[in-house]
C-alpha atoms as a PDB file:
ATOM      1  CA  MET A   1     -21.156   5.603   2.059  1.00  0.00           C
ATOM      2  CA  GLU A   2     -17.504   5.236   2.977  1.00  0.00           C
ATOM      3  CA  MET A   3     -15.743   2.530   1.022  1.00  0.00           C
ATOM      4  CA  LYS A   4     -13.839  -0.037   3.002  1.00  0.00           C
ATOM      5  CA  ILE A   5     -10.433  -1.520   2.470  1.00  0.00           C
ATOM      6  CA  PRO A   6     -10.427  -5.322   2.356  1.00  0.00           C
ATOM      7  CA  PRO A   7      -9.953  -6.339   6.010  1.00  0.00           C
ATOM      8  CA  SER A   8      -6.864  -8.446   5.297  1.00  0.00           C
ATOM      9  CA  LEU A   9      -5.104  -5.475   3.674  1.00  0.00           C
ATOM     10  CA  LYS A  10      -6.224  -3.094   6.406  1.00  0.00           C
ATOM     11  CA  HIS A  11      -4.848  -5.502   9.011  1.00  0.00           C
ATOM     12  CA  GLU A  12      -1.571  -5.916   7.121  1.00  0.00           C
ATOM     13  CA  HIS A  13      -1.064  -2.159   6.875  1.00  0.00           C
ATOM     14  CA  GLY A  14      -1.918  -1.806  10.554  1.00  0.00           C
ATOM     15  CA  GLU A  15       0.610  -4.460  11.554  1.00  0.00           C
ATOM     16  CA  MET A  16       3.323  -2.882   9.417  1.00  0.00           C
ATOM     17  CA  ARG A  17       2.548   0.578  10.734  1.00  0.00           C
ATOM     18  CA  ALA A  18       2.688  -0.612  14.362  1.00  0.00           C
ATOM     19  CA  SER A  19       5.950  -2.516  13.830  1.00  0.00           C
ATOM     20  CA  LEU A  20       7.512   0.455  12.081  1.00  0.00           C
ATOM     21  CA  GLU A  21       6.476   2.877  14.808  1.00  0.00           C
ATOM     22  CA  ILE A  22       8.057   0.617  17.452  1.00  0.00           C
ATOM     23  CA  THR A  23      11.209   0.165  15.383  1.00  0.00           C
ATOM     24  CA  ALA A  24      11.496   3.903  14.753  1.00  0.00           C
ATOM     25  CA  LYS A  25      11.793   4.472  18.514  1.00  0.00           C
ATOM     26  CA  GLY A  26      14.920   2.303  18.611  1.00  0.00           C
ATOM     27  CA  PRO A  27      18.482   3.499  19.029  1.00  0.00           C
ATOM     28  CA  GLY A  28      21.407   3.521  16.660  1.00  0.00           C
ATOM     29  CA  LYS A  29      21.592   3.327  12.915  1.00  0.00           C
ATOM     30  CA  SER A  30      18.658   0.926  12.771  1.00  0.00           C
ATOM     31  CA  GLY A  31      16.407   3.344  14.635  1.00  0.00           C
ATOM     32  CA  GLU A  32      17.553   6.249  12.493  1.00  0.00           C
ATOM     33  CA  ALA A  33      16.945   4.269   9.295  1.00  0.00           C
ATOM     34  CA  ALA A  34      13.520   3.167  10.564  1.00  0.00           C
ATOM     35  CA  ARG A  35      12.581   6.782  11.256  1.00  0.00           C
ATOM     36  CA  GLU A  36      13.396   7.648   7.649  1.00  0.00           C
ATOM     37  CA  VAL A  37      11.300   4.721   6.402  1.00  0.00           C
ATOM     38  CA  ALA A  38       8.422   5.879   8.617  1.00  0.00           C
ATOM     39  CA  ARG A  39       8.747   9.453   7.323  1.00  0.00           C
ATOM     40  CA  LEU A  40       8.304   8.190   3.773  1.00  0.00           C
ATOM     41  CA  LEU A  41       5.993   5.237   4.279  1.00  0.00           C
ATOM     42  CA  LEU A  42       3.319   6.488   6.654  1.00  0.00           C
ATOM     43  CA  PRO A  43       2.030   9.286   4.353  1.00  0.00           C
ATOM     44  CA  HIS A  44       2.202   6.811   1.465  1.00  0.00           C
ATOM     45  CA  PHE A  45       0.049   4.322   3.382  1.00  0.00           C
ATOM     46  CA  LYS A  46      -2.475   7.098   3.975  1.00  0.00           C
ATOM     47  CA  LYS A  47      -2.779   7.701   0.227  1.00  0.00           C
ATOM     48  CA  GLU A  48      -3.131   4.005  -0.482  1.00  0.00           C
ATOM     49  CA  GLU A  49      -5.833   3.654   2.128  1.00  0.00           C
ATOM     50  CA  GLU A  50      -7.634   6.688   0.743  1.00  0.00           C
ATOM     51  CA  TYR A  51      -7.853   5.690  -2.920  1.00  0.00           C
ATOM     52  CA  ALA A  52      -5.636   2.779  -4.023  1.00  0.00           C
ATOM     53  CA  LEU A  53      -6.947  -0.033  -1.819  1.00  0.00           C
ATOM     54  CA  PRO A  54     -10.702   0.646  -1.392  1.00  0.00           C
ATOM     55  CA  PRO A  55     -11.595  -0.452  -4.955  1.00  0.00           C
ATOM     56  CA  LEU A  56     -10.279  -3.915  -4.088  1.00  0.00           C
ATOM     57  CA  ASP A  57     -13.159  -4.428  -1.661  1.00  0.00           C
ATOM     58  CA  ALA A  58     -15.454  -4.770  -4.686  1.00  0.00           C
ATOM     59  CA  LEU A  59     -13.622  -7.826  -6.021  1.00  0.00           C
ATOM     60  CA  ALA A  60     -15.659 -10.457  -4.177  1.00  0.00           C
ATOM     61  CA  VAL A  61     -18.973  -8.957  -5.295  1.00  0.00           C
ATOM     62  CA  MET A  62     -17.749  -8.608  -8.870  1.00  0.00           C
ATOM     63  CA  ALA A  63     -16.300 -12.130  -8.932  1.00  0.00           C
ATOM     64  CA  GLY A  64     -19.767 -13.367  -7.961  1.00  0.00           C
ATOM     65  CA  GLY A  65     -21.257 -11.587 -10.961  1.00  0.00           C
ATOM     66  CA  GLY A  66     -22.660  -8.612  -9.085  1.00  0.00           C
ATOM     67  CA  LEU A  67     -21.974  -4.917  -9.005  1.00  0.00           C
ATOM     68  CA  PRO A  68     -20.906  -3.045  -5.873  1.00  0.00           C
ATOM     69  CA  GLU A  69     -23.336  -0.593  -4.260  1.00  0.00           C
ATOM     70  CA  GLU A  70     -21.392   2.559  -5.123  1.00  0.00           C
ATOM     71  CA  PRO A  71     -19.760   1.958  -8.512  1.00  0.00           C
ATOM     72  CA  LYS A  72     -19.208   5.672  -9.190  1.00  0.00           C
ATOM     73  CA  ALA A  73     -17.287   6.103  -5.934  1.00  0.00           C
ATOM     74  CA  ILE A  74     -15.109   3.124  -6.816  1.00  0.00           C
ATOM     75  CA  ILE A  75     -14.545   4.452 -10.340  1.00  0.00           C
ATOM     76  CA  ASP A  76     -13.531   7.815  -8.869  1.00  0.00           C
ATOM     77  CA  LYS A  77     -10.992   6.161  -6.531  1.00  0.00           C
ATOM     78  CA  ALA A  78      -9.558   4.059  -9.367  1.00  0.00           C
ATOM     79  CA  ASP A  79      -9.325   7.136 -11.592  1.00  0.00           C
ATOM     80  CA  ARG A  80      -7.493   8.981  -8.849  1.00  0.00           C
ATOM     81  CA  LEU A  81      -5.062   6.072  -8.545  1.00  0.00           C
ATOM     82  CA  ARG A  82      -4.503   6.185 -12.303  1.00  0.00           C
ATOM     83  CA  HIS A  83      -3.833   9.930 -12.051  1.00  0.00           C
ATOM     84  CA  GLU A  84      -1.474   9.532  -9.066  1.00  0.00           C
ATOM     85  CA  LEU A  85       0.190   6.286 -10.160  1.00  0.00           C
ATOM     86  CA  VAL A  86       3.476   7.785 -11.374  1.00  0.00           C
ATOM     87  CA  ASP A  87       3.908   9.595  -8.059  1.00  0.00           C
ATOM     88  CA  MET A  88       2.933   6.498  -6.075  1.00  0.00           C
ATOM     89  CA  LEU A  89       5.556   4.441  -7.919  1.00  0.00           C
ATOM     90  CA  ARG A  90       8.137   7.170  -7.429  1.00  0.00           C
ATOM     91  CA  GLU A  91       7.365   7.079  -3.707  1.00  0.00           C
ATOM     92  CA  HIS A  92       7.854   3.310  -3.775  1.00  0.00           C
ATOM     93  CA  GLN A  93      11.344   3.861  -5.221  1.00  0.00           C
ATOM     94  CA  ALA A  94      12.263   6.253  -2.408  1.00  0.00           C
ATOM     95  CA  ILE A  95      10.783   3.903   0.176  1.00  0.00           C
ATOM     96  CA  ALA A  96      12.716   0.974  -1.313  1.00  0.00           C
ATOM     97  CA  LYS A  97      15.995   2.894  -0.997  1.00  0.00           C
ATOM     98  CA  ALA A  98      15.185   3.729   2.613  1.00  0.00           C
ATOM     99  CA  LEU A  99      14.320   0.070   3.259  1.00  0.00           C
ATOM    100  CA  GLU A 100      17.657  -1.028   1.791  1.00  0.00           C
ATOM    101  CA  THR A 101      19.352   1.364   4.191  1.00  0.00           C
ATOM    102  CA  LEU A 102      17.291  -0.090   7.037  1.00  0.00           C
ATOM    103  CA  TYR A 103      18.216  -3.618   5.958  1.00  0.00           C
ATOM    104  CA  ASP A 104      21.919  -2.721   5.907  1.00  0.00           C
ATOM    105  CA  ALA A 105      21.711  -0.980   9.287  1.00  0.00           C
ATOM    106  CA  ALA A 106      19.805  -3.888  10.824  1.00  0.00           C
ATOM    107  CA  THR A 107      22.378  -6.329   9.467  1.00  0.00           C
ATOM    108  CA  SER A 108      25.194  -4.167  10.820  1.00  0.00           C
ATOM    109  CA  ASP A 109      23.455  -3.887  14.196  1.00  0.00           C
ATOM    110  CA  ALA A 110      22.932  -7.696  14.278  1.00  0.00           C
ATOM    111  CA  ARG A 111      19.127  -7.324  14.230  1.00  0.00           C
ATOM    112  CA  PRO A 112      17.973 -10.076  11.869  1.00  0.00           C
ATOM    113  CA  GLU A 113      14.292  -9.602  12.783  1.00  0.00           C
ATOM    114  CA  LEU A 114      14.504  -6.002  11.631  1.00  0.00           C
ATOM    115  CA  ALA A 115      16.286  -7.006   8.418  1.00  0.00           C
ATOM    116  CA  ARG A 116      13.464  -9.495   7.734  1.00  0.00           C
ATOM    117  CA  PHE A 117      10.905  -6.755   8.418  1.00  0.00           C
ATOM    118  CA  ALA A 118      12.615  -4.485   5.866  1.00  0.00           C
ATOM    119  CA  ARG A 119      12.487  -7.287   3.279  1.00  0.00           C
ATOM    120  CA  ARG A 120       8.829  -7.950   4.073  1.00  0.00           C
ATOM    121  CA  LEU A 121       8.002  -4.285   3.466  1.00  0.00           C
ATOM    122  CA  LEU A 122       9.853  -4.426   0.137  1.00  0.00           C
ATOM    123  CA  LEU A 123       7.826  -7.463  -0.885  1.00  0.00           C
ATOM    124  CA  HIS A 124       4.639  -5.703   0.167  1.00  0.00           C
ATOM    125  CA  ALA A 125       5.474  -2.764  -2.118  1.00  0.00           C
ATOM    126  CA  GLN A 126       6.159  -5.169  -4.987  1.00  0.00           C
ATOM    127  CA  MET A 127       2.804  -6.869  -4.395  1.00  0.00           C
ATOM    128  CA  GLU A 128       1.098  -3.493  -4.550  1.00  0.00           C
ATOM    129  CA  GLU A 129       2.819  -2.650  -7.828  1.00  0.00           C
ATOM    130  CA  GLN A 130       2.265  -6.053  -9.406  1.00  0.00           C
ATOM    131  CA  ILE A 131      -1.208  -6.939  -8.086  1.00  0.00           C
ATOM    132  CA  TYR A 132      -3.083  -4.389  -5.961  1.00  0.00           C
ATOM    133  CA  TYR A 133      -2.657  -1.267  -8.076  1.00  0.00           C
ATOM    134  CA  PRO A 134      -3.339  -3.016 -11.404  1.00  0.00           C
ATOM    135  CA  ALA A 135      -6.362  -4.795  -9.907  1.00  0.00           C
ATOM    136  CA  ALA A 136      -7.785  -1.506  -8.612  1.00  0.00           C
ATOM    137  CA  LEU A 137      -7.346   0.046 -12.050  1.00  0.00           C
ATOM    138  CA  VAL A 138      -9.001  -2.922 -13.790  1.00  0.00           C
ATOM    139  CA  ILE A 139     -11.908  -2.736 -11.347  1.00  0.00           C
ATOM    140  CA  GLY A 140     -12.419   0.909 -12.238  1.00  0.00           C
ATOM    141  CA  GLU A 141     -12.338   0.217 -15.968  1.00  0.00           C
ATOM    142  CA  TYR A 142     -14.665  -2.781 -15.641  1.00  0.00           C
ATOM    143  CA  LEU A 143     -17.170  -0.736 -13.663  1.00  0.00           C
ATOM    144  CA  LYS A 144     -17.048   2.008 -16.290  1.00  0.00           C
ATOM    145  CA  LEU A 145     -17.961  -0.550 -18.921  1.00  0.00           C
ATOM    146  CA  LYS A 146     -20.692  -2.201 -16.843  1.00  0.00           C
ATOM    147  CA  THR A 147     -22.296   1.085 -15.782  1.00  0.00           C
ATOM    148  CA  GLY A 148     -21.856   2.979 -19.044  1.00  0.00           C
ATOM    149  CA  ARG A 149     -19.662   5.608 -17.376  1.00  0.00           C
ATOM    150  CA  GLY A 150     -16.646   4.960 -19.636  1.00  0.00           C
END
């Protein structure tokens, strides 16, 4: 069974990916900066969608007092996130620097919508660090306790 990403997060990543791909085709410093963001962010999104975000799909079931169908698969994804977390956070730092460059270029190019997009991506990364990643890790630990796999 393939684990799903919560639909709202999948949609958000899809929207960001599509906006970034359009922006990266643009001219000037903004386009160049967007291409650098895309170079860093798109592989990072792939990792998140592979193992950082799928455990979050179990939250609703767990909040209702149940256990998800494939707890071992979720534990494995959460463990992989724990193992990769330092690298994921390091990637966030590089992405944040690239987004600051994009923000500056967009401001210089008088593209306020692009500057807002850069800020939105920065906030998304902060939400991942402050909420999504920790929640995925807690889910894994909780399932270890509940299933005796700890």
